[in-house]
PDB file of N, CA and C in Angstrom:
ATOM      1  N   GLY A   1      -2.202 -14.904 -14.769  1.00  0.00           N
ATOM      2  CA  GLY A   1      -2.463 -14.072 -13.621  1.00  0.00           C
ATOM      3  C   GLY A   1      -3.464 -14.729 -12.693  1.00  0.00           C
ATOM      4  N   SER A   2      -3.333 -14.455 -11.436  1.00  0.00           N
ATOM      5  CA  SER A   2      -4.249 -15.033 -10.457  1.00  0.00           C
ATOM      6  C   SER A   2      -5.342 -14.033 -10.103  1.00  0.00           C
ATOM      7  N   THR A   3      -6.424 -14.549  -9.578  1.00  0.00           N
ATOM      8  CA  THR A   3      -7.543 -13.712  -9.162  1.00  0.00           C
ATOM      9  C   THR A   3      -7.597 -13.702  -7.643  1.00  0.00           C
ATOM     10  N   GLU A   4      -7.773 -12.507  -7.094  1.00  0.00           N
ATOM     11  CA  GLU A   4      -7.853 -12.364  -5.639  1.00  0.00           C
ATOM     12  C   GLU A   4      -9.132 -11.615  -5.308  1.00  0.00           C
ATOM     13  N   LEU A   5      -9.916 -12.159  -4.405  1.00  0.00           N
ATOM     14  CA  LEU A   5     -11.116 -11.462  -3.951  1.00  0.00           C
ATOM     15  C   LEU A   5     -10.718 -10.524  -2.821  1.00  0.00           C
ATOM     16  N   ILE A   6     -11.214  -9.301  -2.881  1.00  0.00           N
ATOM     17  CA  ILE A   6     -10.916  -8.359  -1.803  1.00  0.00           C
ATOM     18  C   ILE A   6     -12.222  -7.903  -1.170  1.00  0.00           C
ATOM     19  N   ASP A   7     -12.157  -7.600   0.105  1.00  0.00           N
ATOM     20  CA  ASP A   7     -13.305  -7.109   0.849  1.00  0.00           C
ATOM     21  C   ASP A   7     -13.310  -5.587   0.733  1.00  0.00           C
ATOM     22  N   LEU A   8     -14.428  -5.029   0.320  1.00  0.00           N
ATOM     23  CA  LEU A   8     -14.514  -3.575   0.167  1.00  0.00           C
ATOM     24  C   LEU A   8     -14.177  -2.856   1.474  1.00  0.00           C
ATOM     25  N   ALA A   9     -14.430  -3.496   2.600  1.00  0.00           N
ATOM     26  CA  ALA A   9     -14.120  -2.890   3.899  1.00  0.00           C
ATOM     27  C   ALA A   9     -12.618  -2.685   4.087  1.00  0.00           C
ATOM     28  N   ASP A  10     -11.789  -3.421   3.338  1.00  0.00           N
ATOM     29  CA  ASP A  10     -10.338  -3.285   3.449  1.00  0.00           C
ATOM     30  C   ASP A  10      -9.784  -2.171   2.568  1.00  0.00           C
ATOM     31  N   VAL A  11     -10.607  -1.666   1.663  1.00  0.00           N
ATOM     32  CA  VAL A  11     -10.152  -0.676   0.685  1.00  0.00           C
ATOM     33  C   VAL A  11     -10.236   0.732   1.266  1.00  0.00           C
ATOM     34  N   ALA A  12      -9.116   1.461   1.197  1.00  0.00           N
ATOM     35  CA  ALA A  12      -9.099   2.850   1.652  1.00  0.00           C
ATOM     36  C   ALA A  12      -9.372   3.797   0.494  1.00  0.00           C
ATOM     37  N   CYS A  13      -8.847   3.437  -0.682  1.00  0.00           N
ATOM     38  CA  CYS A  13      -8.853   4.366  -1.801  1.00  0.00           C
ATOM     39  C   CYS A  13      -8.762   3.598  -3.117  1.00  0.00           C
ATOM     40  N   LEU A  14      -9.401   4.121  -4.148  1.00  0.00           N
ATOM     41  CA  LEU A  14      -9.345   3.543  -5.493  1.00  0.00           C
ATOM     42  C   LEU A  14      -8.916   4.638  -6.457  1.00  0.00           C
ATOM     43  N   VAL A  15      -7.883   4.363  -7.247  1.00  0.00           N
ATOM     44  CA  VAL A  15      -7.345   5.366  -8.163  1.00  0.00           C
ATOM     45  C   VAL A  15      -7.335   4.808  -9.581  1.00  0.00           C
ATOM     46  N   ALA A  16      -7.934   5.544 -10.516  1.00  0.00           N
ATOM     47  CA  ALA A  16      -7.946   5.137 -11.918  1.00  0.00           C
ATOM     48  C   ALA A  16      -6.712   5.696 -12.609  1.00  0.00           C
ATOM     49  N   GLU A  17      -6.018   4.811 -13.320  1.00  0.00           N
ATOM     50  CA  GLU A  17      -4.841   5.208 -14.088  1.00  0.00           C
ATOM     51  C   GLU A  17      -4.915   4.494 -15.422  1.00  0.00           C
ATOM     52  N   ASP A  18      -4.979   5.234 -16.514  1.00  0.00           N
ATOM     53  CA  ASP A  18      -5.129   4.655 -17.847  1.00  0.00           C
ATOM     54  C   ASP A  18      -6.338   3.725 -17.869  1.00  0.00           C
ATOM     55  N   LYS A  19      -6.122   2.440 -18.200  1.00  0.00           N
ATOM     56  CA  LYS A  19      -7.247   1.504 -18.292  1.00  0.00           C
ATOM     57  C   LYS A  19      -7.401   0.663 -17.035  1.00  0.00           C
ATOM     58  N   TYR A  20      -6.633   0.960 -16.008  1.00  0.00           N
ATOM     59  CA  TYR A  20      -6.648   0.158 -14.791  1.00  0.00           C
ATOM     60  C   TYR A  20      -7.138   0.965 -13.599  1.00  0.00           C
ATOM     61  N   THR A  21      -7.624   0.251 -12.594  1.00  0.00           N
ATOM     62  CA  THR A  21      -7.965   0.868 -11.318  1.00  0.00           C
ATOM     63  C   THR A  21      -7.118   0.187 -10.257  1.00  0.00           C
ATOM     64  N   THR A  22      -6.470   0.997  -9.415  1.00  0.00           N
ATOM     65  CA  THR A  22      -5.659   0.455  -8.332  1.00  0.00           C
ATOM     66  C   THR A  22      -6.411   0.629  -7.024  1.00  0.00           C
ATOM     67  N   ALA A  23      -6.536  -0.472  -6.279  1.00  0.00           N
ATOM     68  CA  ALA A  23      -7.163  -0.443  -4.955  1.00  0.00           C
ATOM     69  C   ALA A  23      -6.053  -0.401  -3.918  1.00  0.00           C
ATOM     70  N   TYR A  24      -6.112   0.588  -3.034  1.00  0.00           N
ATOM     71  CA  TYR A  24      -5.123   0.720  -1.960  1.00  0.00           C
ATOM     72  C   TYR A  24      -5.718   0.137  -0.689  1.00  0.00           C
ATOM     73  N   LEU A  25      -5.065  -0.914  -0.185  1.00  0.00           N
ATOM     74  CA  LEU A  25      -5.521  -1.628   1.010  1.00  0.00           C
ATOM     75  C   LEU A  25      -4.420  -1.508   2.047  1.00  0.00           C
ATOM     76  N   GLY A  26      -4.505  -0.516   2.887  1.00  0.00           N
ATOM     77  CA  GLY A  26      -3.473  -0.340   3.905  1.00  0.00           C
ATOM     78  C   GLY A  26      -2.107  -0.151   3.275  1.00  0.00           C
ATOM     79  N   GLU A  27      -1.196  -1.097   3.508  1.00  0.00           N
ATOM     80  CA  GLU A  27       0.174  -0.948   3.030  1.00  0.00           C
ATOM     81  C   GLU A  27       0.408  -1.562   1.663  1.00  0.00           C
ATOM     82  N   ARG A  28      -0.607  -2.164   1.076  1.00  0.00           N
ATOM     83  CA  ARG A  28      -0.404  -2.758  -0.246  1.00  0.00           C
ATOM     84  C   ARG A  28      -1.458  -2.253  -1.223  1.00  0.00           C
ATOM     85  N   SER A  29      -1.186  -2.465  -2.494  1.00  0.00           N
ATOM     86  CA  SER A  29      -2.136  -2.058  -3.519  1.00  0.00           C
ATOM     87  C   SER A  29      -2.229  -3.162  -4.565  1.00  0.00           C
ATOM     88  N   ILE A  30      -3.399  -3.290  -5.167  1.00  0.00           N
ATOM     89  CA  ILE A  30      -3.586  -4.273  -6.228  1.00  0.00           C
ATOM     90  C   ILE A  30      -4.409  -3.656  -7.350  1.00  0.00           C
ATOM     91  N   MET A  31      -4.199  -4.155  -8.566  1.00  0.00           N
ATOM     92  CA  MET A  31      -4.983  -3.690  -9.706  1.00  0.00           C
ATOM     93  C   MET A  31      -6.270  -4.491  -9.768  1.00  0.00           C
ATOM     94  N   ILE A  32      -7.358  -3.796 -10.081  1.00  0.00           N
ATOM     95  CA  ILE A  32      -8.648  -4.476 -10.196  1.00  0.00           C
ATOM     96  C   ILE A  32      -9.265  -4.167 -11.556  1.00  0.00           C
ATOM     97  N   ASN A  33     -10.204  -5.014 -11.968  1.00  0.00           N
ATOM     98  CA  ASN A  33     -10.804  -4.894 -13.296  1.00  0.00           C
ATOM     99  C   ASN A  33     -12.155  -4.185 -13.289  1.00  0.00           C
ATOM    100  N   HIS A  34     -12.343  -3.246 -12.412  1.00  0.00           N
ATOM    101  CA  HIS A  34     -13.597  -2.493 -12.368  1.00  0.00           C
ATOM    102  C   HIS A  34     -13.294  -1.014 -12.545  1.00  0.00           C
ATOM    103  N   SER A  35     -14.176  -0.318 -13.240  1.00  0.00           N
ATOM    104  CA  SER A  35     -14.002   1.127 -13.395  1.00  0.00           C
ATOM    105  C   SER A  35     -14.510   1.834 -12.141  1.00  0.00           C
ATOM    106  N   LEU A  36     -14.051   3.061 -11.940  1.00  0.00           N
ATOM    107  CA  LEU A  36     -14.538   3.847 -10.804  1.00  0.00           C
ATOM    108  C   LEU A  36     -16.048   4.042 -10.911  1.00  0.00           C
ATOM    109  N   ALA A  37     -16.540   4.268 -12.120  1.00  0.00           N
ATOM    110  CA  ALA A  37     -17.980   4.490 -12.309  1.00  0.00           C
ATOM    111  C   ALA A  37     -18.787   3.270 -11.860  1.00  0.00           C
ATOM    112  N   GLU A  38     -18.315   2.062 -12.206  1.00  0.00           N
ATOM    113  CA  GLU A  38     -19.007   0.833 -11.786  1.00  0.00           C
ATOM    114  C   GLU A  38     -19.031   0.725 -10.266  1.00  0.00           C
ATOM    115  N   LEU A  39     -17.888   0.970  -9.651  1.00  0.00           N
ATOM    116  CA  LEU A  39     -17.771   0.844  -8.198  1.00  0.00           C
ATOM    117  C   LEU A  39     -18.608   1.895  -7.477  1.00  0.00           C
ATOM    118  N   GLU A  40     -18.570   3.122  -7.986  1.00  0.00           N
ATOM    119  CA  GLU A  40     -19.332   4.219  -7.382  1.00  0.00           C
ATOM    120  C   GLU A  40     -20.835   3.934  -7.462  1.00  0.00           C
ATOM    121  N   LYS A  41     -21.277   3.409  -8.595  1.00  0.00           N
ATOM    122  CA  LYS A  41     -22.693   3.105  -8.786  1.00  0.00           C
ATOM    123  C   LYS A  41     -23.139   1.943  -7.890  1.00  0.00           C
ATOM    124  N   ALA A  42     -22.267   0.946  -7.723  1.00  0.00           N
ATOM    125  CA  ALA A  42     -22.603  -0.235  -6.927  1.00  0.00           C
ATOM    126  C   ALA A  42     -22.550   0.019  -5.419  1.00  0.00           C
ATOM    127  N   HIS A  43     -21.737   0.987  -4.999  1.00  0.00           N
ATOM    128  CA  HIS A  43     -21.527   1.222  -3.561  1.00  0.00           C
ATOM    129  C   HIS A  43     -21.570   2.710  -3.197  1.00  0.00           C
ATOM    130  N   PRO A  44     -22.652   3.423  -3.537  1.00  0.00           N
ATOM    131  CA  PRO A  44     -22.696   4.866  -3.258  1.00  0.00           C
ATOM    132  C   PRO A  44     -22.668   5.203  -1.771  1.00  0.00           C
ATOM    133  N   ASP A  45     -23.120   4.262  -0.942  1.00  0.00           N
ATOM    134  CA  ASP A  45     -23.143   4.488   0.505  1.00  0.00           C
ATOM    135  C   ASP A  45     -21.759   4.307   1.136  1.00  0.00           C
ATOM    136  N   ARG A  46     -20.856   3.620   0.450  1.00  0.00           N
ATOM    137  CA  ARG A  46     -19.538   3.318   1.025  1.00  0.00           C
ATOM    138  C   ARG A  46     -18.404   4.122   0.398  1.00  0.00           C
ATOM    139  N   LEU A  47     -18.595   4.550  -0.865  1.00  0.00           N
ATOM    140  CA  LEU A  47     -17.516   5.222  -1.586  1.00  0.00           C
ATOM    141  C   LEU A  47     -17.894   6.655  -1.934  1.00  0.00           C
ATOM    142  N   LEU A  48     -16.914   7.536  -1.896  1.00  0.00           N
ATOM    143  CA  LEU A  48     -17.113   8.950  -2.216  1.00  0.00           C
ATOM    144  C   LEU A  48     -16.104   9.356  -3.277  1.00  0.00           C
ATOM    145  N   ARG A  49     -16.592   9.989  -4.353  1.00  0.00           N
ATOM    146  CA  ARG A  49     -15.680  10.485  -5.379  1.00  0.00           C
ATOM    147  C   ARG A  49     -15.107  11.814  -4.892  1.00  0.00           C
ATOM    148  N   VAL A  50     -13.779  11.900  -4.864  1.00  0.00           N
ATOM    149  CA  VAL A  50     -13.128  13.132  -4.411  1.00  0.00           C
ATOM    150  C   VAL A  50     -12.365  13.808  -5.542  1.00  0.00           C
ATOM    151  N   HIS A  51     -12.239  13.106  -6.666  1.00  0.00           N
ATOM    152  CA  HIS A  51     -11.520  13.619  -7.826  1.00  0.00           C
ATOM    153  C   HIS A  51     -11.986  12.805  -9.026  1.00  0.00           C
ATOM    154  N   ARG A  52     -11.787  13.330 -10.201  1.00  0.00           N
ATOM    155  CA  ARG A  52     -12.182  12.621 -11.422  1.00  0.00           C
ATOM    156  C   ARG A  52     -11.645  11.192 -11.435  1.00  0.00           C
ATOM    157  N   SER A  53     -10.452  10.988 -10.883  1.00  0.00           N
ATOM    158  CA  SER A  53      -9.816   9.669 -10.944  1.00  0.00           C
ATOM    159  C   SER A  53      -9.666   8.984  -9.585  1.00  0.00           C
ATOM    160  N   VAL A  54     -10.410   9.465  -8.559  1.00  0.00           N
ATOM    161  CA  VAL A  54     -10.228   8.896  -7.210  1.00  0.00           C
ATOM    162  C   VAL A  54     -11.562   8.701  -6.484  1.00  0.00           C
ATOM    163  N   LEU A  55     -11.735   7.492  -5.924  1.00  0.00           N
ATOM    164  CA  LEU A  55     -12.821   7.201  -4.983  1.00  0.00           C
ATOM    165  C   LEU A  55     -12.177   6.838  -3.656  1.00  0.00           C
ATOM    166  N   VAL A  56     -12.809   7.226  -2.551  1.00  0.00           N
ATOM    167  CA  VAL A  56     -12.292   6.852  -1.232  1.00  0.00           C
ATOM    168  C   VAL A  56     -13.408   6.212  -0.415  1.00  0.00           C
ATOM    169  N   ALA A  57     -13.005   5.398   0.563  1.00  0.00           N
ATOM    170  CA  ALA A  57     -13.967   4.798   1.486  1.00  0.00           C
ATOM    171  C   ALA A  57     -14.416   5.883   2.461  1.00  0.00           C
ATOM    172  N   ARG A  58     -15.710   6.132   2.517  1.00  0.00           N
ATOM    173  CA  ARG A  58     -16.240   7.183   3.397  1.00  0.00           C
ATOM    174  C   ARG A  58     -15.775   7.008   4.842  1.00  0.00           C
ATOM    175  N   GLU A  59     -15.775   5.761   5.320  1.00  0.00           N
ATOM    176  CA  GLU A  59     -15.431   5.519   6.725  1.00  0.00           C
ATOM    177  C   GLU A  59     -13.955   5.765   7.024  1.00  0.00           C
ATOM    178  N   ARG A  60     -13.109   5.837   5.995  1.00  0.00           N
ATOM    179  CA  ARG A  60     -11.670   6.043   6.209  1.00  0.00           C
ATOM    180  C   ARG A  60     -11.261   7.519   6.178  1.00  0.00           C
ATOM    181  N   VAL A  61     -12.174   8.402   5.780  1.00  0.00           N
ATOM    182  CA  VAL A  61     -11.846   9.829   5.661  1.00  0.00           C
ATOM    183  C   VAL A  61     -11.602  10.420   7.043  1.00  0.00           C
ATOM    184  N   ARG A  62     -10.439  11.045   7.231  1.00  0.00           N
ATOM    185  CA  ARG A  62     -10.071  11.604   8.533  1.00  0.00           C
ATOM    186  C   ARG A  62      -9.858  13.112   8.518  1.00  0.00           C
ATOM    187  N   GLY A  63      -9.536  13.688   7.364  1.00  0.00           N
ATOM    188  CA  GLY A  63      -9.329  15.127   7.345  1.00  0.00           C
ATOM    189  C   GLY A  63      -8.790  15.609   6.018  1.00  0.00           C
ATOM    190  N   LEU A  64      -8.646  16.928   5.935  1.00  0.00           N
ATOM    191  CA  LEU A  64      -8.113  17.591   4.749  1.00  0.00           C
ATOM    192  C   LEU A  64      -6.836  18.312   5.125  1.00  0.00           C
ATOM    193  N   GLU A  65      -5.898  18.375   4.195  1.00  0.00           N
ATOM    194  CA  GLU A  65      -4.700  19.180   4.408  1.00  0.00           C
ATOM    195  C   GLU A  65      -4.327  19.842   3.092  1.00  0.00           C
ATOM    196  N   ARG A  66      -3.693  20.991   3.196  1.00  0.00           N
ATOM    197  CA  ARG A  66      -3.274  21.689   1.992  1.00  0.00           C
ATOM    198  C   ARG A  66      -1.937  21.112   1.543  1.00  0.00           C
ATOM    199  N   GLY A  67      -1.903  20.633   0.318  1.00  0.00           N
ATOM    200  CA  GLY A  67      -0.679  20.082  -0.254  1.00  0.00           C
ATOM    201  C   GLY A  67      -0.096  21.041  -1.275  1.00  0.00           C
ATOM    202  N   GLU A  68       0.966  20.614  -1.931  1.00  0.00           N
ATOM    203  CA  GLU A  68       1.625  21.461  -2.925  1.00  0.00           C
ATOM    204  C   GLU A  68       0.699  21.806  -4.084  1.00  0.00           C
ATOM    205  N   SER A  69      -0.169  20.862  -4.444  1.00  0.00           N
ATOM    206  CA  SER A  69      -1.023  21.085  -5.613  1.00  0.00           C
ATOM    207  C   SER A  69      -2.501  21.217  -5.245  1.00  0.00           C
ATOM    208  N   GLY A  70      -2.779  21.661  -4.020  1.00  0.00           N
ATOM    209  CA  GLY A  70      -4.170  21.839  -3.611  1.00  0.00           C
ATOM    210  C   GLY A  70      -4.511  21.010  -2.390  1.00  0.00           C
ATOM    211  N   MET A  71      -5.800  20.785  -2.190  1.00  0.00           N
ATOM    212  CA  MET A  71      -6.259  20.058  -1.009  1.00  0.00           C
ATOM    213  C   MET A  71      -6.054  18.554  -1.186  1.00  0.00           C
ATOM    214  N   GLN A  72      -5.631  17.924  -0.089  1.00  0.00           N
ATOM    215  CA  GLN A  72      -5.411  16.481  -0.083  1.00  0.00           C
ATOM    216  C   GLN A  72      -6.194  15.867   1.065  1.00  0.00           C
ATOM    217  N   LEU A  73      -6.586  14.623   0.869  1.00  0.00           N
ATOM    218  CA  LEU A  73      -7.382  13.914   1.859  1.00  0.00           C
ATOM    219  C   LEU A  73      -6.498  13.041   2.733  1.00  0.00           C
ATOM    220  N   MET A  74      -6.769  13.033   4.027  1.00  0.00           N
ATOM    221  CA  MET A  74      -6.078  12.129   4.947  1.00  0.00           C
ATOM    222  C   MET A  74      -7.009  10.948   5.188  1.00  0.00           C
ATOM    223  N   LEU A  75      -6.477   9.740   4.980  1.00  0.00           N
ATOM    224  CA  LEU A  75      -7.261   8.520   5.112  1.00  0.00           C
ATOM    225  C   LEU A  75      -6.682   7.631   6.200  1.00  0.00           C
ATOM    226  N   GLU A  76      -7.547   7.058   7.010  1.00  0.00           N
ATOM    227  CA  GLU A  76      -7.109   6.129   8.059  1.00  0.00           C
ATOM    228  C   GLU A  76      -6.514   4.878   7.417  1.00  0.00           C
ATOM    229  N   GLY A  77      -5.336   4.485   7.887  1.00  0.00           N
ATOM    230  CA  GLY A  77      -4.710   3.255   7.421  1.00  0.00           C
ATOM    231  C   GLY A  77      -4.174   3.305   6.012  1.00  0.00           C
ATOM    232  N   CYS A  78      -3.897   4.503   5.502  1.00  0.00           N
ATOM    233  CA  CYS A  78      -3.402   4.629   4.129  1.00  0.00           C
ATOM    234  C   CYS A  78      -2.474   5.834   4.051  1.00  0.00           C
ATOM    235  N   GLU A  79      -1.252   5.614   3.585  1.00  0.00           N
ATOM    236  CA  GLU A  79      -0.301   6.720   3.485  1.00  0.00           C
ATOM    237  C   GLU A  79      -0.571   7.618   2.289  1.00  0.00           C
ATOM    238  N   LEU A  80      -1.267   7.096   1.294  1.00  0.00           N
ATOM    239  CA  LEU A  80      -1.591   7.883   0.108  1.00  0.00           C
ATOM    240  C   LEU A  80      -2.451   9.079   0.516  1.00  0.00           C
ATOM    241  N   ARG A  81      -2.146  10.245  -0.024  1.00  0.00           N
ATOM    242  CA  ARG A  81      -2.927  11.460   0.227  1.00  0.00           C
ATOM    243  C   ARG A  81      -3.540  11.909  -1.097  1.00  0.00           C
ATOM    244  N   PRO A  82      -4.709  11.352  -1.460  1.00  0.00           N
ATOM    245  CA  PRO A  82      -5.291  11.699  -2.760  1.00  0.00           C
ATOM    246  C   PRO A  82      -5.719  13.162  -2.834  1.00  0.00           C
ATOM    247  N   ALA A  83      -5.564  13.721  -4.027  1.00  0.00           N
ATOM    248  CA  ALA A  83      -5.980  15.099  -4.276  1.00  0.00           C
ATOM    249  C   ALA A  83      -7.502  15.175  -4.273  1.00  0.00           C
ATOM    250  N   VAL A  84      -8.018  16.288  -3.778  1.00  0.00           N
ATOM    251  CA  VAL A  84      -9.461  16.550  -3.799  1.00  0.00           C
ATOM    252  C   VAL A  84      -9.691  17.693  -4.775  1.00  0.00           C
ATOM    253  N   SER A  85     -10.546  17.469  -5.763  1.00  0.00           N
ATOM    254  CA  SER A  85     -10.811  18.527  -6.736  1.00  0.00           C
ATOM    255  C   SER A  85     -11.661  19.618  -6.088  1.00  0.00           C
ATOM    256  N   ARG A  86     -11.542  20.823  -6.611  1.00  0.00           N
ATOM    257  CA  ARG A  86     -12.343  21.940  -6.077  1.00  0.00           C
ATOM    258  C   ARG A  86     -13.831  21.620  -6.175  1.00  0.00           C
ATOM    259  N   ARG A  87     -14.207  20.932  -7.241  1.00  0.00           N
ATOM    260  CA  ARG A  87     -15.607  20.584  -7.464  1.00  0.00           C
ATOM    261  C   ARG A  87     -16.141  19.634  -6.389  1.00  0.00           C
ATOM    262  N   GLN A  88     -15.291  18.746  -5.881  1.00  0.00           N
ATOM    263  CA  GLN A  88     -15.718  17.755  -4.890  1.00  0.00           C
ATOM    264  C   GLN A  88     -15.487  18.200  -3.446  1.00  0.00           C
ATOM    265  N   LEU A  89     -14.804  19.312  -3.265  1.00  0.00           N
ATOM    266  CA  LEU A  89     -14.477  19.791  -1.922  1.00  0.00           C
ATOM    267  C   LEU A  89     -15.704  19.965  -1.016  1.00  0.00           C
ATOM    268  N   PRO A  90     -16.813  20.543  -1.503  1.00  0.00           N
ATOM    269  CA  PRO A  90     -17.987  20.686  -0.627  1.00  0.00           C
ATOM    270  C   PRO A  90     -18.504  19.350  -0.094  1.00  0.00           C
ATOM    271  N   ALA A  91     -18.519  18.301  -0.922  1.00  0.00           N
ATOM    272  CA  ALA A  91     -18.997  16.983  -0.482  1.00  0.00           C
ATOM    273  C   ALA A  91     -18.073  16.406   0.580  1.00  0.00           C
ATOM    274  N   VAL A  92     -16.767  16.611   0.419  1.00  0.00           N
ATOM    275  CA  VAL A  92     -15.799  16.116   1.404  1.00  0.00           C
ATOM    276  C   VAL A  92     -15.985  16.857   2.725  1.00  0.00           C
ATOM    277  N   ARG A  93     -16.154  18.167   2.652  1.00  0.00           N
ATOM    278  CA  ARG A  93     -16.347  18.957   3.880  1.00  0.00           C
ATOM    279  C   ARG A  93     -17.638  18.557   4.595  1.00  0.00           C
ATOM    280  N   ARG A  94     -18.705  18.280   3.821  1.00  0.00           N
ATOM    281  CA  ARG A  94     -19.977  17.812   4.403  1.00  0.00           C
ATOM    282  C   ARG A  94     -19.768  16.505   5.156  1.00  0.00           C
ATOM    283  N   LEU A  95     -19.043  15.572   4.535  1.00  0.00           N
ATOM    284  CA  LEU A  95     -18.785  14.280   5.168  1.00  0.00           C
ATOM    285  C   LEU A  95     -17.999  14.462   6.465  1.00  0.00           C
ATOM    286  N   LEU A  96     -16.986  15.309   6.448  1.00  0.00           N
ATOM    287  CA  LEU A  96     -16.185  15.548   7.655  1.00  0.00           C
ATOM    288  C   LEU A  96     -17.039  16.168   8.755  1.00  0.00           C
ATOM    289  N   LYS A  97     -17.946  17.068   8.376  1.00  0.00           N
ATOM    290  CA  LYS A  97     -18.825  17.700   9.359  1.00  0.00           C
ATOM    291  C   LYS A  97     -19.770  16.665   9.975  1.00  0.00           C
ATOM    292  N   GLU A  98     -20.315  15.773   9.135  1.00  0.00           N
ATOM    293  CA  GLU A  98     -21.209  14.718   9.634  1.00  0.00           C
ATOM    294  C   GLU A  98     -20.480  13.814  10.622  1.00  0.00           C
ATOM    295  N   LYS A  99     -19.219  13.533  10.353  1.00  0.00           N
ATOM    296  CA  LYS A  99     -18.440  12.648  11.222  1.00  0.00           C
ATOM    297  C   LYS A  99     -18.181  13.286  12.588  1.00  0.00           C
ATOM    298  N   GLN A 100     -18.161  14.620  12.641  1.00  0.00           N
ATOM    299  CA  GLN A 100     -17.898  15.318  13.902  1.00  0.00           C
ATOM    300  C   GLN A 100     -19.137  15.368  14.787  1.00  0.00           C
ATOM    301  N   GLU A 101     -20.303  15.238  14.175  1.00  0.00           N
ATOM    302  CA  GLU A 101     -21.554  15.357  14.937  1.00  0.00           C
ATOM    303  C   GLU A 101     -21.856  14.097  15.720  1.00  0.00           C
TER     304      GLU A 101
END
């Protein structure tokens, strides 16, 4: 396997699945060898946890919409609509409010 360096600024969303984390970069996705906890701890100013298994780039957050299974996040430059847990909803709403000011 080859190693690819990615710029965190290109990442819209990170999703943990089993033992892997998938980074969504616009129209493509790649698997990375870091846990969400490691990434969240290293970049708290850039990443926001919106679900037990999802981190998103704060600067890419554009809005919330109601989906079939609850609230979903709209991200700039990413078709994926990650679920937002009820527990994380207040933090997401705070971020959206800050962006409007």
